[in-house]
C-alpha atoms as a PDB file:
ATOM      1  CA  MET A   1      60.424  -1.304  56.202  1.00  0.00           C
ATOM      2  CA  SER A   2      59.041  -3.553  53.482  1.00  0.00           C
ATOM      3  CA  GLU A   3      55.332  -4.047  52.921  1.00  0.00           C
ATOM      4  CA  ARG A   4      53.859  -6.978  54.862  1.00  0.00           C
ATOM      5  CA  ARG A   5      51.586  -9.803  53.862  1.00  0.00           C
ATOM      6  CA  SER A   6      48.504  -9.412  56.060  1.00  0.00           C
ATOM      7  CA  THR A   7      45.829 -11.845  54.860  1.00  0.00           C
ATOM      8  CA  VAL A   8      45.505 -15.513  53.995  1.00  0.00           C
ATOM      9  CA  PRO A   9      44.987 -16.474  50.328  1.00  0.00           C
ATOM     10  CA  SER A  10      41.455 -16.201  49.004  1.00  0.00           C
ATOM     11  CA  HIS A  11      41.978 -18.095  45.733  1.00  0.00           C
ATOM     12  CA  ILE A  12      44.311 -21.103  45.410  1.00  0.00           C
ATOM     13  CA  LEU A  13      45.524 -22.641  42.161  1.00  0.00           C
ATOM     14  CA  PHE A  14      46.359 -26.346  42.152  1.00  0.00           C
ATOM     15  CA  ALA A  15      48.356 -27.683  39.189  1.00  0.00           C
ATOM     16  CA  THR A  16      48.044 -31.414  38.574  1.00  0.00           C
ATOM     17  CA  ASP A  17      49.042 -33.997  35.982  1.00  0.00           C
ATOM     18  CA  LEU A  18      46.161 -36.191  37.275  1.00  0.00           C
ATOM     19  CA  GLY A  19      48.623 -38.929  38.221  1.00  0.00           C
ATOM     20  CA  ALA A  20      49.163 -40.654  41.553  1.00  0.00           C
ATOM     21  CA  ARG A  21      52.272 -38.556  42.170  1.00  0.00           C
ATOM     22  CA  CYS A  22      50.018 -35.531  42.780  1.00  0.00           C
ATOM     23  CA  ASP A  23      47.914 -37.233  45.472  1.00  0.00           C
ATOM     24  CA  ARG A  24      49.859 -35.747  48.385  1.00  0.00           C
ATOM     25  CA  ALA A  25      49.677 -32.247  46.920  1.00  0.00           C
ATOM     26  CA  GLN A  26      45.962 -32.745  46.276  1.00  0.00           C
ATOM     27  CA  ASP A  27      45.352 -33.719  49.908  1.00  0.00           C
ATOM     28  CA  ARG A  28      47.286 -30.667  51.085  1.00  0.00           C
ATOM     29  CA  VAL A  29      45.475 -28.212  48.828  1.00  0.00           C
ATOM     30  CA  ILE A  30      42.109 -29.518  49.988  1.00  0.00           C
ATOM     31  CA  GLU A  31      43.193 -29.063  53.611  1.00  0.00           C
ATOM     32  CA  LEU A  32      44.396 -25.508  52.933  1.00  0.00           C
ATOM     33  CA  ALA A  33      41.304 -24.514  50.948  1.00  0.00           C
ATOM     34  CA  ARG A  34      39.122 -25.549  53.865  1.00  0.00           C
ATOM     35  CA  GLN A  35      41.403 -23.960  56.460  1.00  0.00           C
ATOM     36  CA  TRP A  36      41.511 -20.620  54.652  1.00  0.00           C
ATOM     37  CA  ARG A  37      37.972 -20.852  53.197  1.00  0.00           C
ATOM     38  CA  ALA A  38      39.533 -20.111  49.831  1.00  0.00           C
ATOM     39  CA  ARG A  39      38.260 -20.680  46.329  1.00  0.00           C
ATOM     40  CA  LEU A  40      40.092 -23.384  44.399  1.00  0.00           C
ATOM     41  CA  THR A  41      41.018 -23.556  40.727  1.00  0.00           C
ATOM     42  CA  VAL A  42      42.379 -26.911  39.549  1.00  0.00           C
ATOM     43  CA  VAL A  43      44.512 -26.728  36.396  1.00  0.00           C
ATOM     44  CA  HIS A  44      45.675 -29.431  33.990  1.00  0.00           C
ATOM     45  CA  ALA A  45      47.752 -28.832  30.851  1.00  0.00           C
ATOM     46  CA  LEU A  46      47.354 -30.917  27.707  1.00  0.00           C
ATOM     47  CA  GLU A  47      50.822 -31.020  26.195  1.00  0.00           C
ATOM     48  CA  ILE A  48      49.854 -32.574  22.849  1.00  0.00           C
ATOM     49  CA  LEU A  49      52.626 -31.812  20.390  1.00  0.00           C
ATOM     50  CA  ASP A  50      51.752 -33.920  17.343  1.00  0.00           C
ATOM     51  CA  VAL A  51      50.758 -31.001  15.129  1.00  0.00           C
ATOM     52  CA  PHE A  52      50.635 -33.125  11.969  1.00  0.00           C
ATOM     53  CA  ASP A  53      47.928 -35.443  13.245  1.00  0.00           C
ATOM     54  CA  GLU A  54      44.811 -34.711  11.177  1.00  0.00           C
ATOM     55  CA  ASP A  55      42.635 -36.024  13.981  1.00  0.00           C
ATOM     56  CA  GLN A  56      44.321 -33.903  16.621  1.00  0.00           C
ATOM     57  CA  SER A  57      41.304 -31.723  17.396  1.00  0.00           C
ATOM     58  CA  SER A  58      39.144 -34.714  18.253  1.00  0.00           C
ATOM     59  CA  ARG A  59      41.936 -36.227  20.355  1.00  0.00           C
ATOM     60  CA  ILE A  60      42.326 -32.948  22.245  1.00  0.00           C
ATOM     61  CA  ALA A  61      38.589 -32.745  22.865  1.00  0.00           C
ATOM     62  CA  ALA A  62      38.516 -36.326  24.138  1.00  0.00           C
ATOM     63  CA  ALA A  63      41.550 -35.733  26.367  1.00  0.00           C
ATOM     64  CA  ARG A  64      39.960 -32.579  27.784  1.00  0.00           C
ATOM     65  CA  ASP A  65      36.731 -34.433  28.562  1.00  0.00           C
ATOM     66  CA  ARG A  66      38.637 -37.232  30.315  1.00  0.00           C
ATOM     67  CA  ALA A  67      40.683 -34.747  32.335  1.00  0.00           C
ATOM     68  CA  LEU A  68      37.622 -32.801  33.451  1.00  0.00           C
ATOM     69  CA  ALA A  69      35.859 -36.010  34.493  1.00  0.00           C
ATOM     70  CA  ILE A  70      38.847 -37.095  36.587  1.00  0.00           C
ATOM     71  CA  MET A  71      39.216 -33.652  38.212  1.00  0.00           C
ATOM     72  CA  LYS A  72      35.541 -33.475  39.149  1.00  0.00           C
ATOM     73  CA  ARG A  73      35.683 -36.996  40.540  1.00  0.00           C
ATOM     74  CA  ASP A  74      38.818 -36.354  42.586  1.00  0.00           C
ATOM     75  CA  PHE A  75      37.477 -33.125  44.065  1.00  0.00           C
ATOM     76  CA  GLU A  76      33.881 -34.234  44.463  1.00  0.00           C
ATOM     77  CA  PRO A  77      34.213 -34.445  48.284  1.00  0.00           C
ATOM     78  CA  LEU A  78      35.173 -30.746  48.384  1.00  0.00           C
ATOM     79  CA  LYS A  79      31.565 -29.562  48.334  1.00  0.00           C
ATOM     80  CA  ASP A  80      32.114 -26.970  51.045  1.00  0.00           C
ATOM     81  CA  THR A  81      34.557 -24.966  48.871  1.00  0.00           C
ATOM     82  CA  SER A  82      33.943 -23.060  45.658  1.00  0.00           C
ATOM     83  CA  SER A  83      35.986 -24.728  42.922  1.00  0.00           C
ATOM     84  CA  GLU A  84      36.446 -24.694  39.169  1.00  0.00           C
ATOM     85  CA  PHE A  85      38.430 -26.803  36.721  1.00  0.00           C
ATOM     86  CA  VAL A  86      40.607 -25.585  33.865  1.00  0.00           C
ATOM     87  CA  VAL A  87      42.000 -27.836  31.124  1.00  0.00           C
ATOM     88  CA  ARG A  88      44.018 -26.195  28.352  1.00  0.00           C
ATOM     89  CA  GLN A  89      46.365 -27.244  25.634  1.00  0.00           C
ATOM     90  CA  GLY A  90      49.871 -25.844  25.921  1.00  0.00           C
ATOM     91  CA  ARG A  91      53.150 -25.914  27.779  1.00  0.00           C
ATOM     92  CA  ALA A  92      52.402 -26.619  31.424  1.00  0.00           C
ATOM     93  CA  CYS A  93      54.127 -23.585  32.931  1.00  0.00           C
ATOM     94  CA  ASP A  94      52.452 -21.261  30.413  1.00  0.00           C
ATOM     95  CA  VAL A  95      49.037 -22.712  31.218  1.00  0.00           C
ATOM     96  CA  VAL A  96      49.590 -22.407  34.976  1.00  0.00           C
ATOM     97  CA  VAL A  97      50.855 -18.807  34.861  1.00  0.00           C
ATOM     98  CA  GLU A  98      48.138 -17.686  32.439  1.00  0.00           C
ATOM     99  CA  THR A  99      45.488 -19.184  34.703  1.00  0.00           C
ATOM    100  CA  LEU A 100      47.033 -17.578  37.800  1.00  0.00           C
ATOM    101  CA  ILE A 101      46.745 -14.183  36.143  1.00  0.00           C
ATOM    102  CA  GLU A 102      43.321 -14.634  34.564  1.00  0.00           C
ATOM    103  CA  ARG A 103      41.680 -16.066  37.694  1.00  0.00           C
ATOM    104  CA  LYS A 104      43.574 -13.682  40.016  1.00  0.00           C
ATOM    105  CA  CYS A 105      44.813 -16.545  42.188  1.00  0.00           C
ATOM    106  CA  ASP A 106      47.043 -15.531  45.086  1.00  0.00           C
ATOM    107  CA  PHE A 107      48.605 -18.912  45.963  1.00  0.00           C
ATOM    108  CA  ALA A 108      49.784 -21.951  43.977  1.00  0.00           C
ATOM    109  CA  VAL A 109      50.252 -25.592  44.989  1.00  0.00           C
ATOM    110  CA  GLY A 110      51.849 -28.524  43.203  1.00  0.00           C
ATOM    111  CA  GLY A 111      53.854 -31.668  43.904  1.00  0.00           C
ATOM    112  CA  LEU A 112      57.183 -33.128  42.865  1.00  0.00           C
ATOM    113  CA  ALA A 113      57.041 -36.172  40.644  1.00  0.00           C
ATOM    114  CA  GLY A 114      59.890 -37.831  42.493  1.00  0.00           C
ATOM    115  CA  SER A 115      62.419 -37.146  45.187  1.00  0.00           C
ATOM    116  CA  GLY A 116      64.831 -34.488  44.027  1.00  0.00           C
ATOM    117  CA  SER A 117      63.375 -34.125  40.552  1.00  0.00           C
ATOM    118  CA  LEU A 118      62.972 -30.473  39.675  1.00  0.00           C
ATOM    119  CA  GLU A 119      62.124 -31.075  36.051  1.00  0.00           C
ATOM    120  CA  THR A 120      58.753 -32.674  36.677  1.00  0.00           C
ATOM    121  CA  LEU A 121      57.100 -30.215  39.034  1.00  0.00           C
ATOM    122  CA  PHE A 122      53.712 -28.870  38.002  1.00  0.00           C
ATOM    123  CA  VAL A 123      52.994 -31.364  35.232  1.00  0.00           C
ATOM    124  CA  GLY A 124      56.283 -30.999  33.447  1.00  0.00           C
ATOM    125  CA  SER A 125      57.410 -27.497  34.281  1.00  0.00           C
ATOM    126  CA  THR A 126      60.602 -26.709  36.104  1.00  0.00           C
ATOM    127  CA  VAL A 127      60.573 -25.061  39.508  1.00  0.00           C
ATOM    128  CA  SER A 128      62.644 -22.159  38.229  1.00  0.00           C
ATOM    129  CA  ASP A 129      60.224 -21.455  35.366  1.00  0.00           C
ATOM    130  CA  LEU A 130      57.181 -21.380  37.575  1.00  0.00           C
ATOM    131  CA  VAL A 131      58.515 -19.408  40.521  1.00  0.00           C
ATOM    132  CA  ARG A 132      60.223 -16.840  38.318  1.00  0.00           C
ATOM    133  CA  ARG A 133      56.921 -16.113  36.591  1.00  0.00           C
ATOM    134  CA  ALA A 134      54.210 -16.864  39.153  1.00  0.00           C
ATOM    135  CA  ARG A 135      54.725 -13.844  41.452  1.00  0.00           C
ATOM    136  CA  VAL A 136      52.630 -15.515  44.170  1.00  0.00           C
ATOM    137  CA  PRO A 137      53.689 -17.929  46.926  1.00  0.00           C
ATOM    138  CA  VAL A 138      54.276 -21.421  45.535  1.00  0.00           C
ATOM    139  CA  LEU A 139      53.935 -24.478  47.785  1.00  0.00           C
ATOM    140  CA  ILE A 140      55.817 -27.593  46.691  1.00  0.00           C
ATOM    141  CA  VAL A 141      54.400 -30.675  48.423  1.00  0.00           C
ATOM    142  CA  ARG A 142      56.503 -33.729  49.275  1.00  0.00           C
ATOM    143  CA  LYS A 143      55.177 -35.113  52.545  1.00  0.00           C
ATOM    144  CA  ARG A 144      52.016 -37.074  53.213  1.00  0.00           C
ATOM    145  CA  VAL A 145      49.353 -34.946  54.882  1.00  0.00           C
ATOM    146  CA  ARG A 146      48.756 -35.827  58.523  1.00  0.00           C
ATOM    147  CA  GLY A 147      47.097 -32.590  59.557  1.00  0.00           C
ATOM    148  CA  PRO A 148      47.909 -28.856  59.497  1.00  0.00           C
ATOM    149  CA  TYR A 149      51.565 -27.840  59.406  1.00  0.00           C
ATOM    150  CA  GLY A 150      52.942 -28.099  62.940  1.00  0.00           C
ATOM    151  CA  THR A 151      56.667 -27.381  62.597  1.00  0.00           C
ATOM    152  CA  ILE A 152      57.933 -24.726  60.181  1.00  0.00           C
ATOM    153  CA  ILE A 153      61.479 -23.576  59.394  1.00  0.00           C
ATOM    154  CA  VAL A 154      61.871 -20.134  57.827  1.00  0.00           C
ATOM    155  CA  ALA A 155      65.153 -19.836  55.913  1.00  0.00           C
ATOM    156  CA  SER A 156      66.389 -16.269  55.660  1.00  0.00           C
ATOM    157  CA  ASP A 157      69.493 -14.142  55.109  1.00  0.00           C
ATOM    158  CA  LEU A 158      67.975 -11.562  57.545  1.00  0.00           C
ATOM    159  CA  SER A 159      67.735  -8.825  54.919  1.00  0.00           C
ATOM    160  CA  PRO A 160      64.578  -6.664  54.641  1.00  0.00           C
ATOM    161  CA  ALA A 161      64.130  -8.004  51.114  1.00  0.00           C
ATOM    162  CA  SER A 162      63.888 -11.574  52.441  1.00  0.00           C
ATOM    163  CA  SER A 163      61.352 -10.739  55.156  1.00  0.00           C
ATOM    164  CA  ALA A 164      58.335 -11.806  53.069  1.00  0.00           C
ATOM    165  CA  ALA A 165      59.022 -15.439  53.996  1.00  0.00           C
ATOM    166  CA  MET A 166      58.735 -14.760  57.735  1.00  0.00           C
ATOM    167  CA  ASP A 167      55.645 -12.601  57.234  1.00  0.00           C
ATOM    168  CA  ALA A 168      53.966 -15.329  55.193  1.00  0.00           C
ATOM    169  CA  ALA A 169      54.766 -18.050  57.717  1.00  0.00           C
ATOM    170  CA  ALA A 170      53.332 -15.950  60.554  1.00  0.00           C
ATOM    171  CA  VAL A 171      50.143 -15.000  58.716  1.00  0.00           C
ATOM    172  CA  LEU A 172      49.363 -18.256  56.907  1.00  0.00           C
ATOM    173  CA  PHE A 173      50.257 -20.673  59.714  1.00  0.00           C
ATOM    174  CA  PRO A 174      49.892 -18.754  62.992  1.00  0.00           C
ATOM    175  CA  SER A 175      49.531 -21.851  65.207  1.00  0.00           C
ATOM    176  CA  ALA A 176      52.599 -23.710  63.911  1.00  0.00           C
ATOM    177  CA  GLY A 177      55.879 -23.803  65.802  1.00  0.00           C
ATOM    178  CA  LYS A 178      58.534 -21.818  63.938  1.00  0.00           C
ATOM    179  CA  THR A 179      62.318 -21.719  63.718  1.00  0.00           C
ATOM    180  CA  LEU A 180      64.311 -19.022  61.942  1.00  0.00           C
ATOM    181  CA  PHE A 181      67.221 -20.691  60.135  1.00  0.00           C
ATOM    182  CA  HIS A 182      70.173 -18.559  59.086  1.00  0.00           C
ATOM    183  CA  ALA A 183      73.435 -19.843  57.609  1.00  0.00           C
ATOM    184  CA  PHE A 184      76.216 -17.279  57.799  1.00  0.00           C
ATOM    185  CA  ASP A 185      79.521 -17.082  55.944  1.00  0.00           C
ATOM    186  CA  LEU A 186      83.044 -16.235  57.142  1.00  0.00           C
ATOM    187  CA  PRO A 187      84.540 -14.365  54.168  1.00  0.00           C
ATOM    188  CA  PHE A 188      87.916 -13.626  55.795  1.00  0.00           C
ATOM    189  CA  ARG A 189      88.355 -16.846  57.773  1.00  0.00           C
ATOM    190  CA  GLY A 190      91.498 -17.815  55.854  1.00  0.00           C
ATOM    191  CA  PHE A 191      93.234 -14.593  56.916  1.00  0.00           C
ATOM    192  CA  VAL A 192      92.423 -14.844  60.631  1.00  0.00           C
ATOM    193  CA  ASP A 193      94.698 -16.604  63.131  1.00  0.00           C
ATOM    194  CA  ASP A 194      92.017 -17.157  65.773  1.00  0.00           C
ATOM    195  CA  LYS A 195      89.561 -18.975  63.531  1.00  0.00           C
ATOM    196  CA  GLY A 196      87.548 -20.407  66.403  1.00  0.00           C
ATOM    197  CA  GLY A 197      87.155 -17.022  68.051  1.00  0.00           C
ATOM    198  CA  TYR A 198      86.291 -15.380  64.740  1.00  0.00           C
ATOM    199  CA  GLU A 199      83.570 -17.963  64.083  1.00  0.00           C
ATOM    200  CA  LEU A 200      82.150 -17.524  67.594  1.00  0.00           C
ATOM    201  CA  ARG A 201      82.062 -13.722  67.332  1.00  0.00           C
ATOM    202  CA  THR A 202      80.440 -13.891  63.905  1.00  0.00           C
ATOM    203  CA  ALA A 203      77.837 -16.366  65.164  1.00  0.00           C
ATOM    204  CA  GLN A 204      77.029 -14.089  68.106  1.00  0.00           C
ATOM    205  CA  ALA A 205      76.648 -11.099  65.776  1.00  0.00           C
ATOM    206  CA  ALA A 206      74.423 -13.139  63.459  1.00  0.00           C
ATOM    207  CA  THR A 207      72.286 -14.197  66.417  1.00  0.00           C
ATOM    208  CA  GLU A 208      71.779 -10.582  67.458  1.00  0.00           C
ATOM    209  CA  ASP A 209      70.907  -9.670  63.863  1.00  0.00           C
ATOM    210  CA  ALA A 210      68.346 -12.503  63.839  1.00  0.00           C
ATOM    211  CA  ARG A 211      66.749 -11.278  67.059  1.00  0.00           C
ATOM    212  CA  ARG A 212      66.443  -7.759  65.657  1.00  0.00           C
ATOM    213  CA  PHE A 213      65.008  -9.157  62.433  1.00  0.00           C
ATOM    214  CA  LEU A 214      62.329 -11.063  64.370  1.00  0.00           C
ATOM    215  CA  ALA A 215      61.532  -8.106  66.617  1.00  0.00           C
ATOM    216  CA  ASP A 216      60.971  -5.949  63.549  1.00  0.00           C
ATOM    217  CA  ARG A 217      58.762  -8.484  61.786  1.00  0.00           C
ATOM    218  CA  LEU A 218      56.808 -10.080  64.629  1.00  0.00           C
ATOM    219  CA  ALA A 219      56.891  -7.677  67.584  1.00  0.00           C
ATOM    220  CA  ASP A 220      55.398  -9.571  70.560  1.00  0.00           C
ATOM    221  CA  GLY A 221      55.605 -12.917  68.729  1.00  0.00           C
ATOM    222  CA  ALA A 222      59.371 -12.803  68.232  1.00  0.00           C
ATOM    223  CA  SER A 223      60.121 -14.637  71.468  1.00  0.00           C
ATOM    224  CA  LYS A 224      58.087 -17.623  70.303  1.00  0.00           C
ATOM    225  CA  VAL A 225      60.357 -18.246  67.288  1.00  0.00           C
ATOM    226  CA  ALA A 226      63.390 -20.463  67.874  1.00  0.00           C
ATOM    227  CA  LEU A 227      66.750 -19.565  66.308  1.00  0.00           C
ATOM    228  CA  GLN A 228      69.100 -21.844  64.395  1.00  0.00           C
ATOM    229  CA  ILE A 229      72.262 -19.937  63.429  1.00  0.00           C
ATOM    230  CA  VAL A 230      74.893 -22.033  61.647  1.00  0.00           C
ATOM    231  CA  TYR A 231      78.084 -21.574  59.670  1.00  0.00           C
ATOM    232  CA  GLY A 232      78.465 -23.274  56.308  1.00  0.00           C
ATOM    233  CA  ASP A 233      76.662 -24.400  53.182  1.00  0.00           C
ATOM    234  CA  PRO A 234      72.953 -23.695  53.785  1.00  0.00           C
ATOM    235  CA  ALA A 235      71.400 -26.499  51.723  1.00  0.00           C
ATOM    236  CA  PRO A 236      72.821 -29.589  53.485  1.00  0.00           C
ATOM    237  CA  LEU A 237      72.680 -27.877  56.887  1.00  0.00           C
ATOM    238  CA  LEU A 238      69.035 -26.976  56.365  1.00  0.00           C
ATOM    239  CA  ALA A 239      68.240 -30.501  55.164  1.00  0.00           C
ATOM    240  CA  SER A 240      69.922 -31.935  58.256  1.00  0.00           C
ATOM    241  CA  HIS A 241      67.968 -29.601  60.528  1.00  0.00           C
ATOM    242  CA  VAL A 242      64.686 -30.551  58.833  1.00  0.00           C
ATOM    243  CA  THR A 243      65.442 -34.238  59.367  1.00  0.00           C
ATOM    244  CA  SER A 244      66.531 -33.808  62.983  1.00  0.00           C
ATOM    245  CA  PHE A 245      63.399 -31.913  63.975  1.00  0.00           C
ATOM    246  CA  ASP A 246      61.016 -33.701  61.574  1.00  0.00           C
ATOM    247  CA  ALA A 247      59.903 -30.347  60.167  1.00  0.00           C
ATOM    248  CA  ASP A 248      56.768 -30.211  58.032  1.00  0.00           C
ATOM    249  CA  LEU A 249      57.545 -27.139  55.940  1.00  0.00           C
ATOM    250  CA  VAL A 250      60.438 -24.892  54.907  1.00  0.00           C
ATOM    251  CA  VAL A 251      59.566 -21.326  53.898  1.00  0.00           C
ATOM    252  CA  ALA A 252      62.052 -19.300  51.849  1.00  0.00           C
ATOM    253  CA  GLY A 253      61.973 -16.010  49.977  1.00  0.00           C
ATOM    254  CA  THR A 254      62.896 -15.371  46.372  1.00  0.00           C
ATOM    255  CA  GLN A 255      64.778 -12.183  47.109  1.00  0.00           C
ATOM    256  CA  GLY A 256      67.606 -11.431  49.509  1.00  0.00           C
ATOM    257  CA  ARG A 257      70.638  -9.297  50.230  1.00  0.00           C
ATOM    258  CA  THR A 258      73.282 -11.933  49.620  1.00  0.00           C
ATOM    259  CA  GLY A 259      71.646 -14.238  47.121  1.00  0.00           C
ATOM    260  CA  LEU A 260      71.957 -17.039  49.673  1.00  0.00           C
ATOM    261  CA  LEU A 261      68.310 -17.913  49.151  1.00  0.00           C
ATOM    262  CA  GLY A 262      67.853 -15.986  45.950  1.00  0.00           C
ATOM    263  CA  VAL A 263      65.638 -16.673  42.977  1.00  0.00           C
ATOM    264  CA  LEU A 264      65.187 -20.347  42.285  1.00  0.00           C
ATOM    265  CA  ILE A 265      67.386 -20.331  39.214  1.00  0.00           C
ATOM    266  CA  GLY A 266      70.310 -20.034  41.654  1.00  0.00           C
ATOM    267  CA  SER A 267      72.374 -23.119  42.451  1.00  0.00           C
ATOM    268  CA  VAL A 268      71.991 -22.746  46.236  1.00  0.00           C
ATOM    269  CA  ALA A 269      68.199 -22.533  46.104  1.00  0.00           C
ATOM    270  CA  ARG A 270      68.042 -25.444  43.682  1.00  0.00           C
ATOM    271  CA  ALA A 271      70.166 -27.438  46.129  1.00  0.00           C
ATOM    272  CA  ILE A 272      67.779 -26.568  48.963  1.00  0.00           C
ATOM    273  CA  LEU A 273      64.789 -27.769  46.972  1.00  0.00           C
ATOM    274  CA  GLU A 274      66.579 -30.953  45.996  1.00  0.00           C
ATOM    275  CA  GLN A 275      67.919 -31.792  49.456  1.00  0.00           C
ATOM    276  CA  VAL A 276      65.231 -30.659  51.910  1.00  0.00           C
ATOM    277  CA  PRO A 277      63.022 -33.700  52.662  1.00  0.00           C
ATOM    278  CA  CYS A 278      59.791 -31.829  53.401  1.00  0.00           C
ATOM    279  CA  ASP A 279      57.348 -29.415  51.783  1.00  0.00           C
ATOM    280  CA  VAL A 280      58.799 -26.086  50.622  1.00  0.00           C
ATOM    281  CA  MET A 281      56.968 -22.786  50.199  1.00  0.00           C
ATOM    282  CA  VAL A 282      58.678 -20.108  48.120  1.00  0.00           C
ATOM    283  CA  VAL A 283      57.495 -16.558  48.766  1.00  0.00           C
ATOM    284  CA  PRO A 284      58.112 -13.578  46.450  1.00  0.00           C
ATOM    285  CA  PRO A 285      58.176  -9.992  47.762  1.00  0.00           C
ATOM    286  CA  VAL A 286      54.666  -8.713  48.547  1.00  0.00           C
ATOM    287  CA  ASP A 287      54.921  -6.077  45.819  1.00  0.00           C
ATOM    288  CA  ALA A 288      56.238  -8.545  43.224  1.00  0.00           C
ATOM    289  CA  GLY A 289      53.003  -8.575  41.266  1.00  0.00           C
END
């Protein structure tokens, strides 16, 4: 049995480009910091690349002062939470990961610049860069904050390696309603005469596997988790399910048996992030760090 995540984050990192597109993520990180009574580190990267400018040092200093003033202004209402502000020159993903390590943050939050754009997450970094290197749960915010997460979908391939996503959802958001979403494949469907019967039997087997998976991870709480077992391409099916049930958050792991929801450099996981119209939290294995 894999190691379980047992506590809520104590130190959250929030990456921002200080633009309006980060407002929703900012509202969410404030809500989470208060909910978990966590420390907050706000990070902004100065990506100034004009190395031949003789006056670059003074421009960097002025840009850093402006950024710090904006950050302190934006987070001024958060007086009930310990917070600090970091502004550094460098590539955004490098700055974020270095700060995560140095400050020992155990959770990261950022927002997408636009719908479906993976190249502008975390002030210019790609999703794949950040998640591959962060080794902590990363929350990608899309939706406007209207309160704590109420409806959560956990996407899983039911392998022990992918169980960190379910553990995190249970520990971090215990009061939210949860659905376990599993998309199964039919590798030999083309060679079977009774395709309908084969699909039904495979779906029933997948449902039993899902129930065992939940019983192992949640014990008494397994019966409170709904099941959504489907056949087909996981990304559009998951997006459709999110829309139908107006889900607030999708939680997925970065490691699995089949690669169905594998590391975010995979095409399937990229498709999920591009197509799912709600917040997404990506969870690495507990021992990833």
